[in-house]
PDB file of all heavy atoms in Angstrom:
ATOM      1  N   VAL A   1      71.870 133.326  91.432  1.00  0.00           N
ATOM      2  CA  VAL A   1      71.984 132.122  90.609  1.00  0.00           C
ATOM      3  C   VAL A   1      73.471 131.789  90.494  1.00  0.00           C
ATOM      4  O   VAL A   1      74.295 132.678  90.235  1.00  0.00           O
ATOM      5  CB  VAL A   1      71.370 132.315  89.210  1.00  0.00           C
ATOM      6  CG1 VAL A   1      71.700 131.124  88.311  1.00  0.00           C
ATOM      7  CG2 VAL A   1      69.860 132.478  89.306  1.00  0.00           C
ATOM      8  N   PHE A   2      73.786 130.508  90.682  1.00  0.00           N
ATOM      9  CA  PHE A   2      75.180 130.059  90.632  1.00  0.00           C
ATOM     10  C   PHE A   2      75.360 129.057  89.499  1.00  0.00           C
ATOM     11  O   PHE A   2      74.481 128.219  89.250  1.00  0.00           O
ATOM     12  CB  PHE A   2      75.587 129.404  91.952  1.00  0.00           C
ATOM     13  CG  PHE A   2      75.546 130.324  93.140  1.00  0.00           C
ATOM     14  CD1 PHE A   2      74.390 130.447  93.900  1.00  0.00           C
ATOM     15  CD2 PHE A   2      76.659 131.075  93.506  1.00  0.00           C
ATOM     16  CE1 PHE A   2      74.338 131.282  95.000  1.00  0.00           C
ATOM     17  CE2 PHE A   2      76.621 131.916  94.596  1.00  0.00           C
ATOM     18  CZ  PHE A   2      75.461 132.024  95.355  1.00  0.00           C
ATOM     19  N   HIS A   3      76.509 129.164  88.861  1.00  0.00           N
ATOM     20  CA  HIS A   3      76.900 128.177  87.857  1.00  0.00           C
ATOM     21  C   HIS A   3      78.308 127.697  88.199  1.00  0.00           C
ATOM     22  O   HIS A   3      79.222 128.498  88.351  1.00  0.00           O
ATOM     23  CB  HIS A   3      76.878 128.778  86.453  1.00  0.00           C
ATOM     24  CG  HIS A   3      77.357 127.831  85.395  1.00  0.00           C
ATOM     25  ND1 HIS A   3      78.635 127.874  84.870  1.00  0.00           N
ATOM     26  CD2 HIS A   3      76.732 126.801  84.779  1.00  0.00           C
ATOM     27  CE1 HIS A   3      78.769 126.914  83.971  1.00  0.00           C
ATOM     28  NE2 HIS A   3      77.638 126.248  83.891  1.00  0.00           N
ATOM     29  N   THR A   4      78.467 126.395  88.353  1.00  0.00           N
ATOM     30  CA  THR A   4      79.759 125.835  88.745  1.00  0.00           C
ATOM     31  C   THR A   4      80.372 125.063  87.584  1.00  0.00           C
ATOM     32  O   THR A   4      79.660 124.473  86.765  1.00  0.00           O
ATOM     33  CB  THR A   4      79.605 124.895  89.955  1.00  0.00           C
ATOM     34  OG1 THR A   4      78.744 123.809  89.604  1.00  0.00           O
ATOM     35  CG2 THR A   4      79.008 125.633  91.135  1.00  0.00           C
ATOM     36  N   SER A   5      81.683 125.065  87.539  1.00  0.00           N
ATOM     37  CA  SER A   5      82.423 124.303  86.531  1.00  0.00           C
ATOM     38  C   SER A   5      83.743 123.852  87.139  1.00  0.00           C
ATOM     39  O   SER A   5      84.222 124.434  88.116  1.00  0.00           O
ATOM     40  CB  SER A   5      82.670 125.145  85.272  1.00  0.00           C
ATOM     41  OG  SER A   5      83.373 126.330  85.591  1.00  0.00           O
ATOM     42  N   VAL A   6      84.319 122.819  86.560  1.00  0.00           N
ATOM     43  CA  VAL A   6      85.591 122.275  87.036  1.00  0.00           C
ATOM     44  C   VAL A   6      86.648 122.539  85.976  1.00  0.00           C
ATOM     45  O   VAL A   6      86.494 122.139  84.816  1.00  0.00           O
ATOM     46  CB  VAL A   6      85.466 120.768  87.326  1.00  0.00           C
ATOM     47  CG1 VAL A   6      86.814 120.182  87.732  1.00  0.00           C
ATOM     48  CG2 VAL A   6      84.431 120.515  88.423  1.00  0.00           C
ATOM     49  N   LEU A   7      87.730 123.224  86.369  1.00  0.00           N
ATOM     50  CA  LEU A   7      88.794 123.587  85.434  1.00  0.00           C
ATOM     51  C   LEU A   7      90.143 123.115  85.958  1.00  0.00           C
ATOM     52  O   LEU A   7      90.339 122.960  87.171  1.00  0.00           O
ATOM     53  CB  LEU A   7      88.820 125.110  85.228  1.00  0.00           C
ATOM     54  CG  LEU A   7      87.554 125.748  84.636  1.00  0.00           C
ATOM     55  CD1 LEU A   7      87.729 127.251  84.558  1.00  0.00           C
ATOM     56  CD2 LEU A   7      87.239 125.172  83.271  1.00  0.00           C
ATOM     57  N   ASP A   8      91.066 122.898  85.043  1.00  0.00           N
ATOM     58  CA  ASP A   8      92.418 122.482  85.408  1.00  0.00           C
ATOM     59  C   ASP A   8      93.142 123.613  86.143  1.00  0.00           C
ATOM     60  O   ASP A   8      93.061 124.781  85.752  1.00  0.00           O
ATOM     61  CB  ASP A   8      93.217 122.101  84.163  1.00  0.00           C
ATOM     62  CG  ASP A   8      92.684 120.841  83.505  1.00  0.00           C
ATOM     63  OD1 ASP A   8      92.339 119.908  84.246  1.00  0.00           O
ATOM     64  OD2 ASP A   8      92.593 120.799  82.265  1.00  0.00           O
ATOM     65  N   ASN A   9      93.881 123.243  87.180  1.00  0.00           N
ATOM     66  CA  ASN A   9      94.587 124.250  87.977  1.00  0.00           C
ATOM     67  C   ASN A   9      95.626 125.011  87.157  1.00  0.00           C
ATOM     68  O   ASN A   9      95.793 126.227  87.335  1.00  0.00           O
ATOM     69  CB  ASN A   9      95.268 123.582  89.177  1.00  0.00           C
ATOM     70  CG  ASN A   9      94.264 123.143  90.234  1.00  0.00           C
ATOM     71  OD1 ASN A   9      93.115 123.585  90.224  1.00  0.00           O
ATOM     72  ND2 ASN A   9      94.694 122.285  91.137  1.00  0.00           N
ATOM     73  N   ASP A  10      96.329 124.319  86.266  1.00  0.00           N
ATOM     74  CA  ASP A  10      97.372 125.010  85.507  1.00  0.00           C
ATOM     75  C   ASP A  10      96.793 126.067  84.588  1.00  0.00           C
ATOM     76  O   ASP A  10      97.367 127.144  84.405  1.00  0.00           O
ATOM     77  CB  ASP A  10      98.222 124.014  84.724  1.00  0.00           C
ATOM     78  CG  ASP A  10      97.383 123.152  83.790  1.00  0.00           C
ATOM     79  OD1 ASP A  10      96.159 123.055  84.003  1.00  0.00           O
ATOM     80  OD2 ASP A  10      97.963 122.572  82.843  1.00  0.00           O
ATOM     81  N   LEU A  11      95.613 125.788  84.010  1.00  0.00           N
ATOM     82  CA  LEU A  11      94.971 126.788  83.156  1.00  0.00           C
ATOM     83  C   LEU A  11      94.497 127.986  83.971  1.00  0.00           C
ATOM     84  O   LEU A  11      94.584 129.137  83.521  1.00  0.00           O
ATOM     85  CB  LEU A  11      93.801 126.155  82.398  1.00  0.00           C
ATOM     86  CG  LEU A  11      94.160 125.036  81.417  1.00  0.00           C
ATOM     87  CD1 LEU A  11      92.904 124.474  80.766  1.00  0.00           C
ATOM     88  CD2 LEU A  11      95.133 125.551  80.358  1.00  0.00           C
ATOM     89  N   LEU A  12      93.964 127.700  85.173  1.00  0.00           N
ATOM     90  CA  LEU A  12      93.531 128.799  86.043  1.00  0.00           C
ATOM     91  C   LEU A  12      94.710 129.677  86.437  1.00  0.00           C
ATOM     92  O   LEU A  12      94.606 130.915  86.441  1.00  0.00           O
ATOM     93  CB  LEU A  12      92.854 128.246  87.289  1.00  0.00           C
ATOM     94  CG  LEU A  12      91.411 127.750  87.143  1.00  0.00           C
ATOM     95  CD1 LEU A  12      90.969 127.015  88.401  1.00  0.00           C
ATOM     96  CD2 LEU A  12      90.477 128.909  86.849  1.00  0.00           C
ATOM     97  N   GLU A  13      95.831 129.071  86.764  1.00  0.00           N
ATOM     98  CA  GLU A  13      96.999 129.838  87.178  1.00  0.00           C
ATOM     99  C   GLU A  13      97.557 130.671  86.032  1.00  0.00           C
ATOM    100  O   GLU A  13      98.070 131.780  86.244  1.00  0.00           O
ATOM    101  CB  GLU A  13      98.069 128.902  87.734  1.00  0.00           C
ATOM    102  CG  GLU A  13      97.683 128.264  89.065  1.00  0.00           C
ATOM    103  CD  GLU A  13      98.721 127.275  89.558  1.00  0.00           C
ATOM    104  OE1 GLU A  13      99.670 126.984  88.787  1.00  0.00           O
ATOM    105  OE2 GLU A  13      98.598 126.791  90.706  1.00  0.00           O
ATOM    106  N   GLN A  14      97.446 130.169  84.787  1.00  0.00           N
ATOM    107  CA  GLN A  14      97.898 130.946  83.638  1.00  0.00           C
ATOM    108  C   GLN A  14      97.032 132.174  83.433  1.00  0.00           C
ATOM    109  O   GLN A  14      97.530 133.268  83.154  1.00  0.00           O
ATOM    110  CB  GLN A  14      97.877 130.076  82.377  1.00  0.00           C
ATOM    111  CG  GLN A  14      98.948 129.000  82.332  1.00  0.00           C
ATOM    112  CD  GLN A  14      98.808 128.122  81.099  1.00  0.00           C
ATOM    113  OE1 GLN A  14      98.147 128.485  80.135  1.00  0.00           O
ATOM    114  NE2 GLN A  14      99.441 126.952  81.138  1.00  0.00           N
ATOM    115  N   ARG A  15      95.729 131.983  83.573  1.00  0.00           N
ATOM    116  CA  ARG A  15      94.807 133.101  83.297  1.00  0.00           C
ATOM    117  C   ARG A  15      94.677 134.036  84.485  1.00  0.00           C
ATOM    118  O   ARG A  15      94.504 135.238  84.315  1.00  0.00           O
ATOM    119  CB  ARG A  15      93.430 132.532  82.930  1.00  0.00           C
ATOM    120  CG  ARG A  15      92.472 133.597  82.450  1.00  0.00           C
ATOM    121  CD  ARG A  15      91.217 133.005  81.866  1.00  0.00           C
ATOM    122  NE  ARG A  15      90.326 134.043  81.357  1.00  0.00           N
ATOM    123  CZ  ARG A  15      89.140 133.811  80.819  1.00  0.00           C
ATOM    124  NH1 ARG A  15      88.712 132.571  80.715  1.00  0.00           N
ATOM    125  NH2 ARG A  15      88.389 134.814  80.388  1.00  0.00           N
ATOM    126  N   TYR A  16      94.750 133.486  85.687  1.00  0.00           N
ATOM    127  CA  TYR A  16      94.602 134.297  86.894  1.00  0.00           C
ATOM    128  C   TYR A  16      95.827 134.067  87.785  1.00  0.00           C
ATOM    129  O   TYR A  16      95.827 133.150  88.634  1.00  0.00           O
ATOM    130  CB  TYR A  16      93.315 133.919  87.647  1.00  0.00           C
ATOM    131  CG  TYR A  16      92.065 134.007  86.810  1.00  0.00           C
ATOM    132  CD1 TYR A  16      91.504 132.856  86.257  1.00  0.00           C
ATOM    133  CD2 TYR A  16      91.447 135.229  86.565  1.00  0.00           C
ATOM    134  CE1 TYR A  16      90.350 132.923  85.487  1.00  0.00           C
ATOM    135  CE2 TYR A  16      90.296 135.312  85.808  1.00  0.00           C
ATOM    136  CZ  TYR A  16      89.743 134.162  85.267  1.00  0.00           C
ATOM    137  OH  TYR A  16      88.609 134.225  84.498  1.00  0.00           O
ATOM    138  N   PRO A  17      96.878 134.846  87.625  1.00  0.00           N
ATOM    139  CA  PRO A  17      98.121 134.643  88.397  1.00  0.00           C
ATOM    140  C   PRO A  17      97.921 134.692  89.900  1.00  0.00           C
ATOM    141  O   PRO A  17      98.707 134.101  90.646  1.00  0.00           O
ATOM    142  CB  PRO A  17      99.015 135.785  87.914  1.00  0.00           C
ATOM    143  CG  PRO A  17      98.474 136.173  86.569  1.00  0.00           C
ATOM    144  CD  PRO A  17      97.009 135.958  86.662  1.00  0.00           C
ATOM    145  N   GLN A  18      96.873 135.393  90.373  1.00  0.00           N
ATOM    146  CA  GLN A  18      96.664 135.502  91.819  1.00  0.00           C
ATOM    147  C   GLN A  18      96.291 134.166  92.457  1.00  0.00           C
ATOM    148  O   GLN A  18      96.260 134.040  93.690  1.00  0.00           O
ATOM    149  CB  GLN A  18      95.580 136.547  92.130  1.00  0.00           C
ATOM    150  CG  GLN A  18      94.167 136.185  91.681  1.00  0.00           C
ATOM    151  CD  GLN A  18      93.845 136.686  90.293  1.00  0.00           C
ATOM    152  OE1 GLN A  18      94.704 136.720  89.418  1.00  0.00           O
ATOM    153  NE2 GLN A  18      92.596 137.113  90.095  1.00  0.00           N
ATOM    154  N   THR A  19      95.995 133.146  91.634  1.00  0.00           N
ATOM    155  CA  THR A  19      95.620 131.838  92.187  1.00  0.00           C
ATOM    156  C   THR A  19      96.800 130.897  92.362  1.00  0.00           C
ATOM    157  O   THR A  19      96.623 129.800  92.904  1.00  0.00           O
ATOM    158  CB  THR A  19      94.587 131.161  91.260  1.00  0.00           C
ATOM    159  OG1 THR A  19      95.197 130.916  89.982  1.00  0.00           O
ATOM    160  CG2 THR A  19      93.360 132.033  91.070  1.00  0.00           C
ATOM    161  N   LYS A  20      97.968 131.286  91.938  1.00  0.00           N
ATOM    162  CA  LYS A  20      99.108 130.373  91.942  1.00  0.00           C
ATOM    163  C   LYS A  20      99.416 129.906  93.369  1.00  0.00           C
ATOM    164  O   LYS A  20      99.599 130.698  94.287  1.00  0.00           O
ATOM    165  CB  LYS A  20     100.333 131.070  91.340  1.00  0.00           C
ATOM    166  CG  LYS A  20     101.439 130.091  90.980  1.00  0.00           C
ATOM    167  CD  LYS A  20     102.479 130.732  90.087  1.00  0.00           C
ATOM    168  CE  LYS A  20     103.500 129.707  89.634  1.00  0.00           C
ATOM    169  NZ  LYS A  20     104.502 130.269  88.715  1.00  0.00           N
ATOM    170  N   GLY A  21      99.467 128.602  93.540  1.00  0.00           N
ATOM    171  CA  GLY A  21      99.769 128.008  94.833  1.00  0.00           C
ATOM    172  C   GLY A  21      98.640 128.038  95.831  1.00  0.00           C
ATOM    173  O   GLY A  21      98.826 127.655  96.985  1.00  0.00           O
ATOM    174  N   LYS A  22      97.450 128.472  95.422  1.00  0.00           N
ATOM    175  CA  LYS A  22      96.331 128.598  96.365  1.00  0.00           C
ATOM    176  C   LYS A  22      95.132 127.723  95.984  1.00  0.00           C
ATOM    177  O   LYS A  22      94.078 127.839  96.599  1.00  0.00           O
ATOM    178  CB  LYS A  22      95.870 130.059  96.432  1.00  0.00           C
ATOM    179  CG  LYS A  22      96.951 131.044  96.854  1.00  0.00           C
ATOM    180  CD  LYS A  22      96.414 132.463  96.848  1.00  0.00           C
ATOM    181  CE  LYS A  22      97.493 133.475  97.224  1.00  0.00           C
ATOM    182  NZ  LYS A  22      96.976 134.876  97.171  1.00  0.00           N
ATOM    183  N   LEU A  23      95.278 126.866  94.976  1.00  0.00           N
ATOM    184  CA  LEU A  23      94.141 126.099  94.480  1.00  0.00           C
ATOM    185  C   LEU A  23      94.059 124.731  95.153  1.00  0.00           C
ATOM    186  O   LEU A  23      95.031 124.234  95.723  1.00  0.00           O
ATOM    187  CB  LEU A  23      94.260 125.924  92.966  1.00  0.00           C
ATOM    188  CG  LEU A  23      94.216 127.235  92.162  1.00  0.00           C
ATOM    189  CD1 LEU A  23      94.458 126.968  90.690  1.00  0.00           C
ATOM    190  CD2 LEU A  23      92.881 127.944  92.361  1.00  0.00           C
ATOM    191  N   SER A  24      92.909 124.118  95.049  1.00  0.00           N
ATOM    192  CA  SER A  24      92.691 122.802  95.643  1.00  0.00           C
ATOM    193  C   SER A  24      93.390 121.738  94.812  1.00  0.00           C
ATOM    194  O   SER A  24      93.646 121.929  93.617  1.00  0.00           O
ATOM    195  CB  SER A  24      91.187 122.503  95.712  1.00  0.00           C
ATOM    196  OG  SER A  24      90.493 123.544  96.370  1.00  0.00           O
ATOM    197  N   THR A  25      93.672 120.616  95.433  1.00  0.00           N
ATOM    198  CA  THR A  25      94.298 119.508  94.706  1.00  0.00           C
ATOM    199  C   THR A  25      93.246 118.624  94.036  1.00  0.00           C
ATOM    200  O   THR A  25      93.525 117.947  93.055  1.00  0.00           O
ATOM    201  CB  THR A  25      95.143 118.650  95.653  1.00  0.00           C
ATOM    202  OG1 THR A  25      94.321 118.201  96.749  1.00  0.00           O
ATOM    203  CG2 THR A  25      96.300 119.467  96.205  1.00  0.00           C
ATOM    204  N   THR A  26      92.029 118.649  94.566  1.00  0.00           N
ATOM    205  CA  THR A  26      90.949 117.834  94.003  1.00  0.00           C
ATOM    206  C   THR A  26      89.655 118.632  94.048  1.00  0.00           C
ATOM    207  O   THR A  26      89.307 119.212  95.077  1.00  0.00           O
ATOM    208  CB  THR A  26      90.761 116.519  94.787  1.00  0.00           C
ATOM    209  OG1 THR A  26      91.993 115.805  94.786  1.00  0.00           O
ATOM    210  CG2 THR A  26      89.680 115.663  94.145  1.00  0.00           C
ATOM    211  N   ALA A  27      88.942 118.649  92.915  1.00  0.00           N
ATOM    212  CA  ALA A  27      87.659 119.342  92.851  1.00  0.00           C
ATOM    213  C   ALA A  27      86.561 118.414  93.358  1.00  0.00           C
ATOM    214  O   ALA A  27      86.488 117.257  92.963  1.00  0.00           O
ATOM    215  CB  ALA A  27      87.362 119.783  91.420  1.00  0.00           C
ATOM    216  N   SER A  28      85.712 118.928  94.232  1.00  0.00           N
ATOM    217  CA  SER A  28      84.623 118.120  94.791  1.00  0.00           C
ATOM    218  C   SER A  28      83.321 118.462  94.083  1.00  0.00           C
ATOM    219  O   SER A  28      83.024 119.622  93.823  1.00  0.00           O
ATOM    220  CB  SER A  28      84.482 118.384  96.293  1.00  0.00           C
ATOM    221  OG  SER A  28      84.179 119.740  96.536  1.00  0.00           O
ATOM    222  N   GLU A  29      82.542 117.411  93.758  1.00  0.00           N
ATOM    223  CA  GLU A  29      81.237 117.581  93.147  1.00  0.00           C
ATOM    224  C   GLU A  29      80.212 116.853  94.003  1.00  0.00           C
ATOM    225  O   GLU A  29      80.346 115.660  94.269  1.00  0.00           O
ATOM    226  CB  GLU A  29      81.218 117.017  91.721  1.00  0.00           C
ATOM    227  CG  GLU A  29      82.116 117.760  90.743  1.00  0.00           C
ATOM    228  CD  GLU A  29      82.056 117.149  89.358  1.00  0.00           C
ATOM    229  OE1 GLU A  29      81.180 117.558  88.573  1.00  0.00           O
ATOM    230  OE2 GLU A  29      82.875 116.275  89.081  1.00  0.00           O
ATOM    231  N   LYS A  30      79.177 117.594  94.421  1.00  0.00           N
ATOM    232  CA  LYS A  30      78.171 116.992  95.296  1.00  0.00           C
ATOM    233  C   LYS A  30      77.369 115.923  94.554  1.00  0.00           C
ATOM    234  O   LYS A  30      77.128 114.833  95.065  1.00  0.00           O
ATOM    235  CB  LYS A  30      77.233 118.077  95.836  1.00  0.00           C
ATOM    236  CG  LYS A  30      76.137 117.538  96.734  1.00  0.00           C
ATOM    237  CD  LYS A  30      75.387 118.642  97.429  1.00  0.00           C
ATOM    238  CE  LYS A  30      76.231 119.248  98.537  1.00  0.00           C
ATOM    239  NZ  LYS A  30      75.457 120.188  99.377  1.00  0.00           N
ATOM    240  N   THR A  31      76.945 116.225  93.331  1.00  0.00           N
ATOM    241  CA  THR A  31      76.177 115.284  92.521  1.00  0.00           C
ATOM    242  C   THR A  31      76.771 115.240  91.133  1.00  0.00           C
ATOM    243  O   THR A  31      77.042 116.285  90.542  1.00  0.00           O
ATOM    244  CB  THR A  31      74.695 115.715  92.431  1.00  0.00           C
ATOM    245  OG1 THR A  31      74.180 115.925  93.749  1.00  0.00           O
ATOM    246  CG2 THR A  31      73.871 114.652  91.731  1.00  0.00           C
ATOM    247  N   LYS A  32      76.977 114.043  90.610  1.00  0.00           N
ATOM    248  CA  LYS A  32      77.538 113.923  89.269  1.00  0.00           C
ATOM    249  C   LYS A  32      76.944 112.701  88.575  1.00  0.00           C
ATOM    250  O   LYS A  32      76.371 111.818  89.216  1.00  0.00           O
ATOM    251  CB  LYS A  32      79.063 113.819  89.320  1.00  0.00           C
ATOM    252  CG  LYS A  32      79.598 112.641  90.117  1.00  0.00           C
ATOM    253  CD  LYS A  32      81.122 112.666  90.156  1.00  0.00           C
ATOM    254  CE  LYS A  32      81.662 111.493  90.966  1.00  0.00           C
ATOM    255  NZ  LYS A  32      83.137 111.497  91.023  1.00  0.00           N
ATOM    256  N   TYR A  33      77.082 112.694  87.267  1.00  0.00           N
ATOM    257  CA  TYR A  33      76.567 111.590  86.482  1.00  0.00           C
ATOM    258  C   TYR A  33      77.413 110.337  86.683  1.00  0.00           C
ATOM    259  O   TYR A  33      78.554 110.392  87.137  1.00  0.00           O
ATOM    260  CB  TYR A  33      76.559 111.956  84.990  1.00  0.00           C
ATOM    261  CG  TYR A  33      75.638 113.096  84.649  1.00  0.00           C
ATOM    262  CD1 TYR A  33      76.138 114.356  84.347  1.00  0.00           C
ATOM    263  CD2 TYR A  33      74.266 112.910  84.606  1.00  0.00           C
ATOM    264  CE1 TYR A  33      75.297 115.406  84.022  1.00  0.00           C
ATOM    265  CE2 TYR A  33      73.406 113.952  84.290  1.00  0.00           C
ATOM    266  CZ  TYR A  33      73.930 115.197  84.001  1.00  0.00           C
ATOM    267  OH  TYR A  33      73.099 116.230  83.683  1.00  0.00           O
ATOM    268  N   ARG A  34      76.840 109.197  86.309  1.00  0.00           N
ATOM    269  CA  ARG A  34      77.584 107.945  86.312  1.00  0.00           C
ATOM    270  C   ARG A  34      78.260 107.813  84.945  1.00  0.00           C
ATOM    271  O   ARG A  34      77.706 107.239  84.013  1.00  0.00           O
ATOM    272  CB  ARG A  34      76.649 106.765  86.560  1.00  0.00           C
ATOM    273  CG  ARG A  34      75.970 106.818  87.922  1.00  0.00           C
ATOM    274  CD  ARG A  34      75.189 105.543  88.176  1.00  0.00           C
ATOM    275  NE  ARG A  34      74.679 105.512  89.547  1.00  0.00           N
ATOM    276  CZ  ARG A  34      74.200 104.431  90.138  1.00  0.00           C
ATOM    277  NH1 ARG A  34      74.173 103.284  89.478  1.00  0.00           N
ATOM    278  NH2 ARG A  34      73.745 104.472  91.371  1.00  0.00           N
ATOM    279  N   TYR A  35      79.440 108.399  84.849  1.00  0.00           N
ATOM    280  CA  TYR A  35      80.122 108.450  83.567  1.00  0.00           C
ATOM    281  C   TYR A  35      80.593 107.063  83.134  1.00  0.00           C
ATOM    282  O   TYR A  35      80.947 106.222  83.956  1.00  0.00           O
ATOM    283  CB  TYR A  35      81.335 109.387  83.641  1.00  0.00           C
ATOM    284  CG  TYR A  35      80.995 110.814  83.992  1.00  0.00           C
ATOM    285  CD1 TYR A  35      81.291 111.329  85.251  1.00  0.00           C
ATOM    286  CD2 TYR A  35      80.381 111.644  83.066  1.00  0.00           C
ATOM    287  CE1 TYR A  35      80.984 112.638  85.579  1.00  0.00           C
ATOM    288  CE2 TYR A  35      80.071 112.953  83.385  1.00  0.00           C
ATOM    289  CZ  TYR A  35      80.370 113.450  84.637  1.00  0.00           C
ATOM    290  OH  TYR A  35      80.062 114.739  84.957  1.00  0.00           O
ATOM    291  N   ASP A  36      80.601 106.851  81.811  1.00  0.00           N
ATOM    292  CA  ASP A  36      81.185 105.630  81.276  1.00  0.00           C
ATOM    293  C   ASP A  36      82.707 105.685  81.353  1.00  0.00           C
ATOM    294  O   ASP A  36      83.366 104.672  81.571  1.00  0.00           O
ATOM    295  CB  ASP A  36      80.752 105.423  79.821  1.00  0.00           C
ATOM    296  CG  ASP A  36      79.265 105.108  79.714  1.00  0.00           C
ATOM    297  OD1 ASP A  36      78.678 104.719  80.738  1.00  0.00           O
ATOM    298  OD2 ASP A  36      78.701 105.251  78.620  1.00  0.00           O
ATOM    299  N   ASP A  37      83.261 106.870  81.136  1.00  0.00           N
ATOM    300  CA  ASP A  37      84.703 107.046  81.229  1.00  0.00           C
ATOM    301  C   ASP A  37      85.112 107.265  82.682  1.00  0.00           C
ATOM    302  O   ASP A  37      84.285 107.623  83.533  1.00  0.00           O
ATOM    303  CB  ASP A  37      85.159 108.244  80.390  1.00  0.00           C
ATOM    304  CG  ASP A  37      84.822 108.073  78.912  1.00  0.00           C
ATOM    305  OD1 ASP A  37      84.758 106.921  78.472  1.00  0.00           O
ATOM    306  OD2 ASP A  37      84.612 109.089  78.229  1.00  0.00           O
ATOM    307  N   SER A  38      86.381 107.077  82.941  1.00  0.00           N
ATOM    308  CA  SER A  38      86.927 107.364  84.267  1.00  0.00           C
ATOM    309  C   SER A  38      87.294 108.847  84.321  1.00  0.00           C
ATOM    310  O   SER A  38      88.286 109.272  83.726  1.00  0.00           O
ATOM    311  CB  SER A  38      88.160 106.492  84.534  1.00  0.00           C
ATOM    312  OG  SER A  38      88.717 106.792  85.790  1.00  0.00           O
ATOM    313  N   VAL A  39      86.476 109.625  84.989  1.00  0.00           N
ATOM    314  CA  VAL A  39      86.652 111.075  85.052  1.00  0.00           C
ATOM    315  C   VAL A  39      87.398 111.427  86.329  1.00  0.00           C
ATOM    316  O   VAL A  39      86.905 111.194  87.435  1.00  0.00           O
ATOM    317  CB  VAL A  39      85.295 111.806  85.003  1.00  0.00           C
ATOM    318  CG1 VAL A  39      85.497 113.312  85.061  1.00  0.00           C
ATOM    319  CG2 VAL A  39      84.534 111.423  83.734  1.00  0.00           C
TER     320      VAL A  39
END
């Protein structure tokens, strides 16, 4: 079973130093809601 979430790169790098400089610039979502806000 998989659970996915989208997190800010700077927060990930603070909590997990091994990710510094290795993260994606944009998170991809296969299916998402039609948000009212600009996400």
